[in-house]
N, C-alpha and C. Protein backbone atom coordinates (compact mmCIF):
# COMPACT_ATOMS: atom_id res chain seq x y z
N MET A 1 111.50 111.74 107.06
CA MET A 1 111.67 113.16 106.80
C MET A 1 110.04 113.00 106.25
N LEU A 2 109.55 113.97 106.59
CA LEU A 2 108.14 114.38 105.30
C LEU A 2 108.85 115.20 104.09
N LYS A 3 107.99 114.68 103.05
CA LYS A 3 108.60 115.69 101.64
C LYS A 3 107.36 116.86 101.74
N LYS A 4 107.58 117.96 101.16
CA LYS A 4 106.58 118.91 101.56
C LYS A 4 105.61 119.39 101.21
N GLU A 5 105.60 118.07 100.38
CA GLU A 5 103.38 118.27 99.64
C GLU A 5 103.11 117.45 100.99
N ILE A 6 103.69 116.16 101.74
CA ILE A 6 103.08 115.43 102.05
C ILE A 6 102.17 116.24 103.43
N ARG A 7 103.28 117.32 104.10
CA ARG A 7 103.50 118.22 105.01
C ARG A 7 102.27 119.39 104.98
N GLU A 8 102.03 119.61 103.94
CA GLU A 8 101.08 120.40 103.19
C GLU A 8 99.62 120.38 103.01
N ILE A 9 99.65 118.35 103.06
CA ILE A 9 98.27 117.76 103.40
C ILE A 9 97.95 117.66 104.67
N ILE A 10 98.40 117.33 105.59
CA ILE A 10 98.84 117.27 106.83
C ILE A 10 98.12 118.40 107.64
N GLU A 11 98.32 119.99 107.17
CA GLU A 11 97.87 121.12 107.69
C GLU A 11 97.21 121.72 107.37
N LYS A 12 96.90 121.78 106.13
CA LYS A 12 95.70 121.83 105.50
C LYS A 12 94.11 120.83 106.08
N SER A 13 94.26 119.54 106.22
CA SER A 13 93.92 118.20 106.90
C SER A 13 93.27 118.72 108.46
N LYS A 14 94.05 119.49 109.03
CA LYS A 14 93.88 120.16 110.99
C LYS A 14 93.15 120.18 111.43
N LYS A 15 92.35 121.03 109.76
CA LYS A 15 91.17 121.71 110.20
C LYS A 15 90.06 120.69 110.13
N TRP A 16 89.78 119.54 109.89
CA TRP A 16 89.13 118.51 110.05
C TRP A 16 89.27 117.74 111.07
N GLY A 17 90.34 117.54 111.78
CA GLY A 17 91.43 115.64 111.51
C GLY A 17 90.82 114.59 111.21
N TRP A 18 91.10 115.05 110.16
CA TRP A 18 91.43 113.75 109.38
C TRP A 18 91.64 113.76 107.74
N VAL A 19 92.10 112.87 106.94
CA VAL A 19 92.40 113.10 105.12
C VAL A 19 91.94 112.81 104.92
N LEU A 20 91.26 113.85 103.82
CA LEU A 20 90.33 113.16 102.61
C LEU A 20 91.07 111.81 101.81
N GLU A 21 90.61 111.14 101.04
CA GLU A 21 90.77 110.47 100.01
C GLU A 21 91.58 110.09 99.94
N PRO A 22 91.59 111.45 98.78
CA PRO A 22 92.05 112.01 97.44
C PRO A 22 93.79 112.41 97.78
N ASP A 23 93.27 112.74 99.28
CA ASP A 23 94.97 113.36 99.97
C ASP A 23 96.05 112.16 100.13
N ALA A 24 94.68 111.13 100.88
CA ALA A 24 95.85 110.10 101.41
C ALA A 24 96.45 109.58 100.47
N GLN A 25 95.14 109.11 99.44
CA GLN A 25 96.41 108.44 98.47
C GLN A 25 97.63 108.97 97.55
N LYS A 26 97.44 110.35 97.87
CA LYS A 26 99.18 111.24 97.67
C LYS A 26 99.98 111.31 98.72
N ILE A 27 99.59 111.55 99.51
CA ILE A 27 100.42 110.99 100.57
C ILE A 27 100.93 109.37 100.24
N PHE A 28 100.72 108.75 99.72
CA PHE A 28 101.26 106.91 100.11
C PHE A 28 101.42 106.99 98.68
N SER A 29 101.58 107.60 97.72
CA SER A 29 102.23 107.24 97.00
C SER A 29 102.78 107.85 96.83
N LEU A 30 103.20 109.43 97.74
CA LEU A 30 104.67 109.56 97.77
C LEU A 30 105.25 109.28 98.43
N SER A 31 104.37 108.22 99.19
CA SER A 31 105.92 107.45 100.13
C SER A 31 106.08 105.86 99.20
N GLY A 32 105.68 105.72 97.92
CA GLY A 32 105.87 103.96 97.98
C GLY A 32 105.37 103.25 97.93
N LEU A 33 103.88 103.29 98.24
CA LEU A 33 103.16 102.64 98.03
C LEU A 33 102.35 103.05 96.93
N LYS A 34 101.80 101.14 96.33
CA LYS A 34 100.85 101.72 95.28
C LYS A 34 99.51 102.13 94.87
N THR A 35 99.19 102.73 94.63
CA THR A 35 97.85 103.11 94.74
C THR A 35 96.79 102.79 93.30
N PRO A 36 95.35 102.97 92.91
CA PRO A 36 94.56 102.93 91.75
C PRO A 36 94.79 103.97 91.00
N LYS A 37 94.84 103.80 89.98
CA LYS A 37 94.09 104.81 89.28
C LYS A 37 92.96 105.73 89.12
N TYR A 38 93.20 106.90 90.40
CA TYR A 38 91.90 107.42 90.38
C TYR A 38 91.97 109.37 89.76
N ALA A 39 90.37 110.02 89.62
CA ALA A 39 90.31 110.96 89.76
C ALA A 39 89.25 111.64 90.50
N VAL A 40 89.31 113.01 90.67
CA VAL A 40 88.27 113.59 90.95
C VAL A 40 87.47 114.00 90.47
N ALA A 41 86.24 114.05 90.39
CA ALA A 41 84.85 115.05 89.76
C ALA A 41 84.32 115.85 90.36
N THR A 42 83.57 117.20 90.03
CA THR A 42 82.58 117.47 90.59
C THR A 42 81.12 117.68 89.58
N GLU A 43 81.73 117.45 88.58
CA GLU A 43 80.08 118.08 88.18
C GLU A 43 80.57 116.79 86.23
N ALA A 44 79.35 116.20 85.94
CA ALA A 44 78.72 115.41 85.00
C ALA A 44 79.76 114.98 83.74
N GLY A 45 80.18 116.46 83.35
CA GLY A 45 80.73 115.48 81.95
C GLY A 45 82.37 115.75 82.16
N GLN A 46 82.87 115.82 83.41
CA GLN A 46 84.08 115.63 83.69
C GLN A 46 84.31 114.36 84.44
N ALA A 47 83.35 113.62 84.86
CA ALA A 47 83.04 111.97 85.23
C ALA A 47 83.51 111.68 85.21
N ILE A 48 82.16 111.65 83.68
CA ILE A 48 82.54 110.30 82.24
C ILE A 48 83.85 110.82 82.04
N SER A 49 84.79 111.74 81.51
CA SER A 49 85.63 112.07 80.82
C SER A 49 86.70 111.08 81.53
N MET A 50 86.71 111.63 83.49
CA MET A 50 87.64 110.30 84.17
C MET A 50 87.32 108.82 83.65
N ALA A 51 86.29 108.84 84.21
CA ALA A 51 85.43 107.28 84.08
C ALA A 51 86.43 106.47 83.05
N ARG A 52 85.86 107.08 81.35
CA ARG A 52 86.36 106.69 80.69
C ARG A 52 87.52 106.57 80.63
N SER A 53 88.89 107.51 80.75
CA SER A 53 90.15 107.41 80.77
C SER A 53 90.21 105.98 81.61
N ILE A 54 89.82 105.92 82.80
CA ILE A 54 90.80 104.49 83.94
C ILE A 54 89.91 103.99 83.15
N GLY A 55 88.95 103.57 82.31
CA GLY A 55 87.94 102.31 81.62
C GLY A 55 87.36 101.84 82.69
N TYR A 56 86.37 101.89 82.73
CA TYR A 56 85.52 100.65 83.04
C TYR A 56 85.25 99.50 83.01
N PRO A 57 84.83 98.52 84.44
CA PRO A 57 84.25 99.63 85.13
C PRO A 57 85.09 99.82 86.83
N VAL A 58 84.16 101.19 86.77
CA VAL A 58 85.35 101.63 88.12
C VAL A 58 84.65 101.92 89.57
N VAL A 59 85.34 102.35 90.77
CA VAL A 59 84.75 102.35 91.63
C VAL A 59 83.91 103.96 91.83
N ALA A 60 83.07 104.45 92.69
CA ALA A 60 82.86 105.48 93.06
C ALA A 60 82.41 105.54 94.09
N LYS A 61 83.15 106.86 95.18
CA LYS A 61 82.86 107.39 96.75
C LYS A 61 83.02 109.05 96.11
N ILE A 62 82.15 109.26 98.16
CA ILE A 62 81.71 110.12 97.92
C ILE A 62 83.61 111.23 98.71
N VAL A 63 83.77 112.40 98.60
CA VAL A 63 84.22 113.31 98.67
C VAL A 63 84.04 114.47 99.95
N SER A 64 84.38 113.90 101.30
CA SER A 64 83.84 114.99 101.96
C SER A 64 84.31 115.32 103.61
N PRO A 65 84.71 116.51 103.59
CA PRO A 65 84.77 116.48 105.32
C PRO A 65 84.14 116.53 105.71
N ALA A 66 82.56 116.10 105.71
CA ALA A 66 81.84 116.05 106.68
C ALA A 66 81.01 114.69 106.93
N ILE A 67 81.91 113.41 106.65
CA ILE A 67 81.62 112.67 105.88
C ILE A 67 83.48 111.16 106.61
N VAL A 68 83.36 110.93 107.09
CA VAL A 68 84.19 110.15 107.49
C VAL A 68 84.09 108.76 107.30
N HIS A 69 83.10 107.99 107.39
CA HIS A 69 83.26 106.52 107.53
C HIS A 69 81.44 107.03 106.20
N LYS A 70 82.24 106.70 104.92
CA LYS A 70 81.83 106.79 103.93
C LYS A 70 80.17 105.81 103.15
N SER A 71 80.35 104.56 104.09
CA SER A 71 79.16 103.34 103.91
C SER A 71 77.93 103.92 105.17
N ASP A 72 78.15 105.08 105.54
CA ASP A 72 77.31 105.00 107.02
C ASP A 72 76.19 105.56 105.95
N VAL A 73 76.75 106.69 104.65
CA VAL A 73 75.80 106.98 103.72
C VAL A 73 75.53 106.27 102.56
N LYS A 74 76.10 104.92 102.41
CA LYS A 74 75.66 104.83 101.09
C LYS A 74 76.80 105.29 100.10
N GLY A 75 77.66 106.10 100.48
CA GLY A 75 78.76 106.96 99.32
C GLY A 75 80.20 105.72 98.93
N VAL A 76 80.02 104.05 98.95
CA VAL A 76 80.77 103.61 97.94
C VAL A 76 79.71 103.18 96.81
N VAL A 77 80.04 102.94 95.93
CA VAL A 77 79.46 102.41 94.95
C VAL A 77 80.74 101.51 93.80
N VAL A 78 80.65 100.62 93.95
CA VAL A 78 81.42 99.38 93.12
C VAL A 78 80.67 98.78 92.03
N GLY A 79 81.84 98.76 90.62
CA GLY A 79 81.41 98.38 89.27
C GLY A 79 80.08 99.04 88.66
N ILE A 80 80.43 100.78 88.28
CA ILE A 80 79.87 100.72 87.47
C ILE A 80 80.38 101.09 86.60
N LYS A 81 79.27 101.11 85.39
CA LYS A 81 80.02 100.58 83.96
C LYS A 81 79.19 101.06 83.15
N ASP A 82 79.01 102.65 83.36
CA ASP A 82 78.67 103.16 81.64
C ASP A 82 78.22 104.19 82.56
N ASP A 83 78.08 105.12 81.86
CA ASP A 83 77.91 107.37 81.62
C ASP A 83 76.82 107.62 82.62
N GLN A 84 76.12 106.73 82.80
CA GLN A 84 74.09 106.54 83.17
C GLN A 84 73.98 106.18 84.54
N VAL A 85 75.54 105.30 84.80
CA VAL A 85 74.81 105.08 86.33
C VAL A 85 76.12 106.02 86.76
N LEU A 86 76.83 106.53 86.33
CA LEU A 86 77.56 107.24 86.87
C LEU A 86 77.70 108.48 86.85
N THR A 87 76.64 109.30 86.28
CA THR A 87 76.22 110.62 86.42
C THR A 87 75.23 110.09 87.25
N GLN A 88 73.82 108.85 87.48
CA GLN A 88 73.18 108.84 88.99
C GLN A 88 74.11 109.13 90.17
N THR A 89 75.27 107.93 90.04
CA THR A 89 75.77 108.05 91.13
C THR A 89 76.25 109.77 91.37
N LEU A 90 76.32 110.46 90.85
CA LEU A 90 77.47 111.80 90.85
C LEU A 90 75.96 112.87 91.82
N GLU A 91 75.22 112.13 90.64
CA GLU A 91 73.79 113.83 91.30
C GLU A 91 73.75 113.01 93.04
N ARG A 92 73.72 112.32 93.10
CA ARG A 92 73.12 111.74 94.53
C ARG A 92 73.95 111.92 95.24
N PHE A 93 75.09 112.07 95.70
CA PHE A 93 76.98 112.35 96.06
C PHE A 93 76.79 113.49 96.18
N SER A 94 76.17 114.32 95.51
CA SER A 94 76.82 116.19 95.34
C SER A 94 74.92 116.14 96.13
N LYS A 95 74.36 115.89 96.97
CA LYS A 95 73.28 116.44 97.50
C LYS A 95 73.59 115.56 99.36
N LEU A 96 74.33 115.01 99.29
CA LEU A 96 74.96 114.43 100.55
C LEU A 96 75.80 115.86 101.22
N GLU A 97 75.92 115.87 103.14
CA GLU A 97 76.71 116.61 103.26
C GLU A 97 78.10 116.79 103.10
N GLY A 98 78.34 118.44 103.05
CA GLY A 98 79.82 118.99 102.81
C GLY A 98 80.14 118.41 101.30
N PHE A 99 79.77 117.93 100.03
CA PHE A 99 80.12 117.93 99.17
C PHE A 99 80.78 118.42 98.29
N ALA A 100 82.39 117.53 98.36
CA ALA A 100 83.24 118.19 97.57
C ALA A 100 84.38 117.87 96.37
N GLY A 101 83.02 116.34 95.86
CA GLY A 101 83.62 116.17 94.44
C GLY A 101 82.72 114.20 95.13
N MET A 102 83.85 113.67 93.65
CA MET A 102 83.09 112.41 93.86
C MET A 102 84.57 111.86 93.26
N LEU A 103 85.05 111.09 94.38
CA LEU A 103 85.93 109.68 93.98
C LEU A 103 86.41 108.86 92.64
N ILE A 104 86.79 108.90 91.83
CA ILE A 104 86.12 107.89 90.51
C ILE A 104 88.07 106.82 90.05
N ALA A 105 87.13 105.72 90.66
CA ALA A 105 89.33 104.32 90.53
C ALA A 105 88.91 103.14 89.98
N GLU A 106 89.95 103.25 89.07
CA GLU A 106 90.13 101.47 89.01
C GLU A 106 89.05 100.74 89.74
N MET A 107 88.77 99.36 89.34
CA MET A 107 88.69 98.14 89.81
C MET A 107 89.95 97.67 90.05
N VAL A 108 90.04 96.50 91.22
CA VAL A 108 91.32 96.35 91.21
C VAL A 108 91.22 94.74 92.37
N GLN A 109 91.64 93.99 91.70
CA GLN A 109 91.23 92.37 91.97
C GLN A 109 92.90 91.94 92.72
N GLY A 110 92.12 90.71 93.50
CA GLY A 110 93.28 90.40 94.13
C GLY A 110 92.85 89.56 95.62
N ALA A 111 93.79 89.63 96.12
CA ALA A 111 93.67 88.81 97.53
C ALA A 111 93.24 90.04 98.35
N GLU A 112 92.01 90.32 99.77
CA GLU A 112 91.52 91.47 100.11
C GLU A 112 92.85 90.93 101.65
N LEU A 113 93.46 91.76 102.50
CA LEU A 113 94.49 92.25 103.15
C LEU A 113 94.14 93.98 103.78
N ILE A 114 93.87 93.58 105.78
CA ILE A 114 93.99 95.05 105.92
C ILE A 114 95.66 94.98 106.67
N ILE A 115 95.67 96.67 106.82
CA ILE A 115 97.29 97.00 107.05
C ILE A 115 96.37 98.88 107.93
N GLY A 116 96.86 98.38 108.75
CA GLY A 116 96.37 99.44 109.85
C GLY A 116 98.08 99.79 110.98
N ALA A 117 98.06 100.39 111.74
CA ALA A 117 98.20 101.33 112.20
C ALA A 117 98.02 102.29 113.78
N LYS A 118 98.15 102.00 115.22
CA LYS A 118 97.86 102.81 115.64
C LYS A 118 98.85 103.24 116.82
N ASN A 119 98.90 104.33 117.21
CA ASN A 119 99.60 105.22 117.97
C ASN A 119 99.32 105.16 119.55
N ASP A 120 99.70 104.21 119.46
CA ASP A 120 100.08 104.34 121.34
C ASP A 120 100.59 104.32 122.38
N PHE A 121 99.55 105.53 123.26
CA PHE A 121 100.86 105.64 123.92
C PHE A 121 101.17 105.85 124.67
N GLN A 122 101.49 104.12 124.88
CA GLN A 122 102.40 103.55 126.23
C GLN A 122 103.47 102.99 124.80
N PHE A 123 103.29 102.32 123.83
CA PHE A 123 104.18 101.73 122.77
C PHE A 123 104.63 102.62 121.44
N GLY A 124 103.88 103.83 121.32
CA GLY A 124 103.70 104.58 120.17
C GLY A 124 103.58 103.83 118.65
N PRO A 125 103.37 104.07 117.27
CA PRO A 125 103.01 103.05 116.51
C PRO A 125 103.49 101.17 116.15
N MET A 126 102.01 101.19 116.34
CA MET A 126 101.63 99.59 116.60
C MET A 126 101.75 99.28 114.86
N ILE A 127 102.29 98.67 113.92
CA ILE A 127 101.27 98.21 113.08
C ILE A 127 100.65 96.36 112.96
N LEU A 128 99.25 97.13 111.47
CA LEU A 128 98.95 95.38 112.36
C LEU A 128 98.88 94.80 110.81
N ILE A 129 98.90 93.70 110.32
CA ILE A 129 98.70 93.00 109.44
C ILE A 129 97.29 92.45 109.26
N GLY A 130 96.10 92.62 108.32
CA GLY A 130 95.45 90.71 108.27
C GLY A 130 94.87 90.60 107.48
N MET A 131 94.30 89.55 107.14
CA MET A 131 93.14 88.93 106.19
C MET A 131 92.13 89.92 105.52
N GLY A 132 92.34 90.23 105.25
CA GLY A 132 90.38 91.26 104.96
C GLY A 132 89.46 90.48 104.27
N GLY A 133 88.23 90.89 103.93
CA GLY A 133 87.17 90.58 103.58
C GLY A 133 86.15 90.16 104.55
N ILE A 134 84.56 89.00 104.63
CA ILE A 134 83.89 89.51 105.08
C ILE A 134 84.11 88.76 106.80
N GLY A 135 85.11 87.80 106.06
CA GLY A 135 85.40 86.99 107.26
C GLY A 135 86.52 87.01 108.45
N VAL A 136 86.86 89.33 107.95
CA VAL A 136 87.50 89.65 109.21
C VAL A 136 87.83 89.78 110.35
N GLU A 137 85.77 89.98 110.61
CA GLU A 137 85.45 90.17 111.69
C GLU A 137 85.19 88.74 112.71
N ILE A 138 85.74 87.79 112.17
CA ILE A 138 84.51 86.33 112.61
C ILE A 138 86.33 85.77 112.67
N TYR A 139 86.96 85.66 112.24
CA TYR A 139 88.49 85.16 112.54
C TYR A 139 89.72 86.35 112.60
N LYS A 140 89.59 87.22 112.60
CA LYS A 140 90.46 87.96 113.31
C LYS A 140 91.89 87.21 113.77
N ASP A 141 92.45 86.92 112.22
CA ASP A 141 93.91 86.69 111.73
C ASP A 141 94.58 88.00 111.15
N VAL A 142 95.26 88.09 112.08
CA VAL A 142 95.58 89.25 112.35
C VAL A 142 97.51 89.30 113.06
N SER A 143 98.75 90.16 112.75
CA SER A 143 100.20 89.79 113.02
C SER A 143 99.68 91.37 113.56
N LEU A 144 100.77 91.61 114.84
CA LEU A 144 101.19 92.99 114.79
C LEU A 144 102.66 93.35 115.38
N ARG A 145 103.10 94.44 115.53
CA ARG A 145 104.40 94.62 116.15
C ARG A 145 104.89 96.00 116.36
N MET A 146 106.00 96.31 117.01
CA MET A 146 105.73 97.82 116.93
C MET A 146 106.94 98.01 115.89
N ALA A 147 106.57 99.37 115.51
CA ALA A 147 107.09 100.25 114.77
C ALA A 147 108.72 100.52 115.39
N PRO A 148 109.01 101.06 114.27
CA PRO A 148 109.47 100.91 113.13
C PRO A 148 109.80 99.11 112.41
N LEU A 149 109.57 98.98 111.28
CA LEU A 149 109.50 97.69 111.22
C LEU A 149 110.87 97.11 110.03
N LYS A 150 111.90 96.16 110.83
CA LYS A 150 112.83 95.80 110.32
C LYS A 150 112.33 94.70 108.89
N ALA A 151 113.08 94.17 107.92
CA ALA A 151 112.37 93.58 106.72
C ALA A 151 112.34 92.59 107.60
N ARG A 152 113.01 91.15 108.74
CA ARG A 152 112.41 90.52 109.18
C ARG A 152 111.55 90.42 109.85
N ASP A 153 110.59 91.13 110.91
CA ASP A 153 109.65 91.49 110.89
C ASP A 153 108.45 91.22 109.90
N ALA A 154 108.68 92.07 108.48
CA ALA A 154 106.99 92.22 107.73
C ALA A 154 107.18 90.15 107.17
N ASP A 155 108.39 90.02 107.28
CA ASP A 155 108.52 88.31 107.10
C ASP A 155 108.22 88.04 108.02
N ASN A 156 107.58 88.83 109.70
CA ASN A 156 107.11 87.01 110.62
C ASN A 156 105.71 87.95 110.54
N MET A 157 105.29 88.98 110.27
CA MET A 157 104.06 89.24 110.22
C MET A 157 103.65 88.57 109.27
N ILE A 158 103.66 88.09 108.19
CA ILE A 158 102.82 87.70 106.85
C ILE A 158 103.61 85.82 107.38
N ASN A 159 104.32 85.85 107.46
CA ASN A 159 104.55 83.69 107.96
C ASN A 159 103.31 84.08 108.95
N GLY A 160 102.93 85.27 110.30
CA GLY A 160 102.38 84.57 111.36
C GLY A 160 100.74 84.15 111.15
N LEU A 161 100.04 84.91 109.64
CA LEU A 161 98.92 84.36 109.25
C LEU A 161 98.39 83.35 109.24
N LYS A 162 97.34 83.07 109.68
CA LYS A 162 96.61 81.61 110.25
C LYS A 162 96.49 81.21 108.24
N ALA A 163 96.03 82.38 107.85
CA ALA A 163 95.71 81.94 106.29
C ALA A 163 96.43 82.63 104.97
N LYS A 164 97.96 82.63 105.40
CA LYS A 164 98.77 82.51 104.54
C LYS A 164 99.10 81.93 103.59
N ARG A 165 98.69 80.55 103.55
CA ARG A 165 98.26 79.44 102.61
C ARG A 165 96.72 80.00 101.23
N LEU A 166 96.44 80.96 101.82
CA LEU A 166 95.04 81.03 101.21
C LEU A 166 96.24 82.26 99.94
N LEU A 167 97.22 82.62 100.58
CA LEU A 167 97.95 84.18 99.37
C LEU A 167 99.16 82.80 98.31
N THR A 168 99.43 82.09 99.29
CA THR A 168 100.42 80.99 98.04
C THR A 168 100.43 80.14 97.61
N GLY A 169 98.21 80.97 97.01
CA GLY A 169 98.16 79.38 95.79
C GLY A 169 97.61 78.12 96.49
N TYR A 170 96.89 78.61 97.44
CA TYR A 170 96.10 77.22 98.06
C TYR A 170 94.98 76.79 96.67
N ARG A 171 95.26 75.98 96.55
CA ARG A 171 94.21 74.71 95.64
C ARG A 171 94.42 76.22 94.48
N GLY A 172 95.17 75.93 93.71
CA GLY A 172 95.77 76.54 92.48
C GLY A 172 95.12 77.85 92.46
N ALA A 173 94.95 78.71 93.18
CA ALA A 173 95.06 79.87 93.37
C ALA A 173 95.88 80.33 92.92
N GLU A 174 96.35 82.01 92.43
CA GLU A 174 97.62 82.63 91.96
C GLU A 174 98.00 82.95 92.97
N PRO A 175 99.38 82.54 93.24
CA PRO A 175 100.33 83.09 94.90
C PRO A 175 99.96 84.79 94.32
N ILE A 176 100.16 85.24 96.07
CA ILE A 176 100.43 86.73 95.44
C ILE A 176 101.64 87.34 95.30
N ASN A 177 102.09 88.47 94.39
CA ASN A 177 103.52 89.38 94.93
C ASN A 177 103.80 88.91 96.78
N LEU A 178 104.27 88.24 97.38
CA LEU A 178 104.62 88.44 98.72
C LEU A 178 105.91 89.39 98.86
N ASP A 179 106.86 89.81 97.79
CA ASP A 179 107.23 90.82 97.68
C ASP A 179 107.16 91.80 97.98
N ALA A 180 106.43 92.29 97.18
CA ALA A 180 105.61 93.70 97.25
C ALA A 180 104.51 93.85 98.29
N LEU A 181 103.81 92.73 99.17
CA LEU A 181 103.39 92.61 100.30
C LEU A 181 104.27 92.91 101.78
N LYS A 182 105.87 92.28 101.94
CA LYS A 182 106.35 93.10 102.12
C LYS A 182 107.00 94.44 102.28
N LYS A 183 106.94 95.06 100.98
CA LYS A 183 108.07 96.22 101.02
C LYS A 183 106.50 97.35 100.94
N THR A 184 105.26 96.47 100.82
CA THR A 184 104.08 97.92 101.73
C THR A 184 103.84 97.66 102.52
N LEU A 185 104.46 96.75 103.51
CA LEU A 185 104.35 96.72 104.73
C LEU A 185 106.26 97.72 105.59
N LEU A 186 106.60 97.40 104.78
CA LEU A 186 107.96 98.43 105.75
C LEU A 186 107.52 99.50 104.61
N ASN A 187 107.65 100.05 104.03
CA ASN A 187 106.90 101.41 103.65
C ASN A 187 105.76 102.54 104.02
N PHE A 188 104.41 101.52 104.61
CA PHE A 188 103.96 101.86 105.57
C PHE A 188 104.16 101.68 107.02
N SER A 189 105.10 101.08 107.42
CA SER A 189 105.91 101.72 108.71
C SER A 189 106.42 102.48 108.84
N ARG A 190 107.52 103.08 107.81
CA ARG A 190 108.39 104.34 107.62
C ARG A 190 107.47 104.96 107.59
N LEU A 191 106.50 105.55 106.67
CA LEU A 191 105.66 106.71 106.60
C LEU A 191 105.23 106.54 107.97
N MET A 192 104.19 106.09 109.05
CA MET A 192 103.96 105.81 110.41
C MET A 192 104.92 106.32 111.07
N MET A 193 106.06 106.15 110.86
CA MET A 193 106.60 106.87 112.47
C MET A 193 106.95 108.07 111.98
N ASP A 194 106.95 108.38 110.08
CA ASP A 194 107.09 110.34 109.91
C ASP A 194 106.16 110.94 110.83
N LEU A 195 104.62 109.69 110.79
CA LEU A 195 103.57 111.03 110.70
C LEU A 195 103.33 110.91 112.75
N LYS A 196 104.21 109.65 112.97
CA LYS A 196 103.33 109.52 114.19
C LYS A 196 103.63 110.90 115.38
N ASP A 197 103.97 111.85 115.22
CA ASP A 197 103.61 113.03 116.16
C ASP A 197 102.94 113.90 115.66
N VAL A 198 101.97 113.76 114.81
CA VAL A 198 100.34 113.66 114.13
C VAL A 198 99.46 112.71 114.00
N THR A 199 100.02 111.59 113.90
CA THR A 199 98.36 110.41 113.24
C THR A 199 98.10 110.29 114.57
N GLU A 200 96.73 109.61 114.77
CA GLU A 200 96.12 108.87 115.84
C GLU A 200 95.99 107.42 115.56
N SER A 201 95.90 106.93 114.31
CA SER A 201 95.35 106.63 113.40
C SER A 201 95.49 105.88 111.64
N ILE A 202 96.05 105.08 111.40
CA ILE A 202 96.33 104.81 109.39
C ILE A 202 95.80 103.71 109.38
N ASP A 203 94.42 103.51 108.23
CA ASP A 203 93.71 102.13 108.18
C ASP A 203 93.48 101.72 106.68
N LEU A 204 94.24 101.16 105.96
CA LEU A 204 94.85 101.00 104.25
C LEU A 204 93.87 99.42 104.66
N ASN A 205 91.84 99.85 104.26
CA ASN A 205 91.76 98.35 103.69
C ASN A 205 90.57 99.17 103.05
N PRO A 206 90.89 97.76 102.15
CA PRO A 206 91.22 96.51 101.40
C PRO A 206 92.97 96.89 100.55
N VAL A 207 93.56 96.93 100.98
CA VAL A 207 94.40 96.28 100.53
C VAL A 207 94.72 95.28 99.56
N MET A 208 94.58 95.48 98.48
CA MET A 208 94.37 93.87 97.07
C MET A 208 95.83 94.05 96.93
N CYS A 209 95.73 92.24 96.88
CA CYS A 209 97.12 92.13 96.34
C CYS A 209 96.83 91.07 95.14
N ASN A 210 97.85 91.11 94.41
CA ASN A 210 97.47 90.17 93.56
C ASN A 210 98.89 89.50 92.91
N ALA A 211 99.39 88.64 91.83
CA ALA A 211 100.86 88.32 91.58
C ALA A 211 101.52 89.48 91.00
N LYS A 212 101.24 90.64 90.49
CA LYS A 212 101.69 91.49 90.20
C LYS A 212 102.76 93.24 91.56
N SER A 213 101.31 93.35 92.43
CA SER A 213 101.53 94.10 93.45
C SER A 213 100.64 93.82 94.54
N CYS A 214 101.08 95.19 95.29
CA CYS A 214 99.46 95.24 95.96
C CYS A 214 99.15 96.59 96.21
N ILE A 215 98.10 96.77 96.55
CA ILE A 215 97.25 98.44 96.06
C ILE A 215 96.85 98.27 97.11
N VAL A 216 96.66 100.29 97.52
CA VAL A 216 95.52 100.47 98.86
C VAL A 216 95.08 100.73 97.43
N VAL A 217 93.74 100.29 98.27
CA VAL A 217 92.03 100.40 97.78
C VAL A 217 91.14 101.97 97.94
N ASP A 218 92.10 101.54 99.61
CA ASP A 218 90.67 102.29 100.10
C ASP A 218 91.53 102.53 101.85
N ALA A 219 91.39 103.79 102.39
CA ALA A 219 92.58 104.42 103.11
C ALA A 219 91.88 105.43 103.74
N ARG A 220 92.45 105.41 105.72
CA ARG A 220 91.66 106.87 106.54
C ARG A 220 93.07 106.97 106.86
N ILE A 221 92.96 108.47 107.06
CA ILE A 221 94.46 108.65 107.84
C ILE A 221 93.29 109.82 109.21
N MET A 222 93.71 108.99 110.09
CA MET A 222 93.15 109.82 111.43
C MET A 222 93.89 110.99 112.57
N LEU A 223 94.10 112.58 112.10
CA LEU A 223 95.22 113.46 112.95
C LEU A 223 94.76 113.05 114.46
N LYS A 224 96.33 113.44 114.75
CA LYS A 224 96.10 113.27 116.79
C LYS A 224 94.96 114.81 116.51
N LYS A 225 94.04 115.05 117.33
CA LYS A 225 93.54 116.81 117.83
C LYS A 225 94.12 117.03 119.11
């Protein structure tokens, strides 16, 4: 059963066909998924105050209903360390089509994963997990299952990744919190089932996992036409 706030977000997003990232992050937070600290600013003083509250360095992203793929317009800037660069970034973003604000978020460290769902016309929602980062297109290391996921499905998906050793402390690296990753998968599956009648796909890319938690750093929710 969808919460009223989520239903309201989906309803207002139908005119664009997708959910703006601040709204998507709100949906995930309401659904038990971890999100970074973030805020949305439209003018310099506001942006500086928010960034200082979150703590430099920060990530800045364009918020615009006219821009689905932020990277196409250089709409994501990572590692912003001071007020000057933040202000310059806001000024540039404000000139982009449909500017509705700049999302400012904390920098999150960890192992990069991708989690996604596609509403298949024959099988219904399909859930995917894979290793992220620059090698994702080369290695195509992913696991796929039909939703809804059960606990054993989440375990099998994680264990089915060829690179699972990278998540469990390979060569002295800090292992990630596998319980948090499993919980993320199960909560995501429940959300996708709740949204199956209105969504075409959901992409969480990346999800950053460390020893403490798994955090949805970037996301896109595409709605059915």
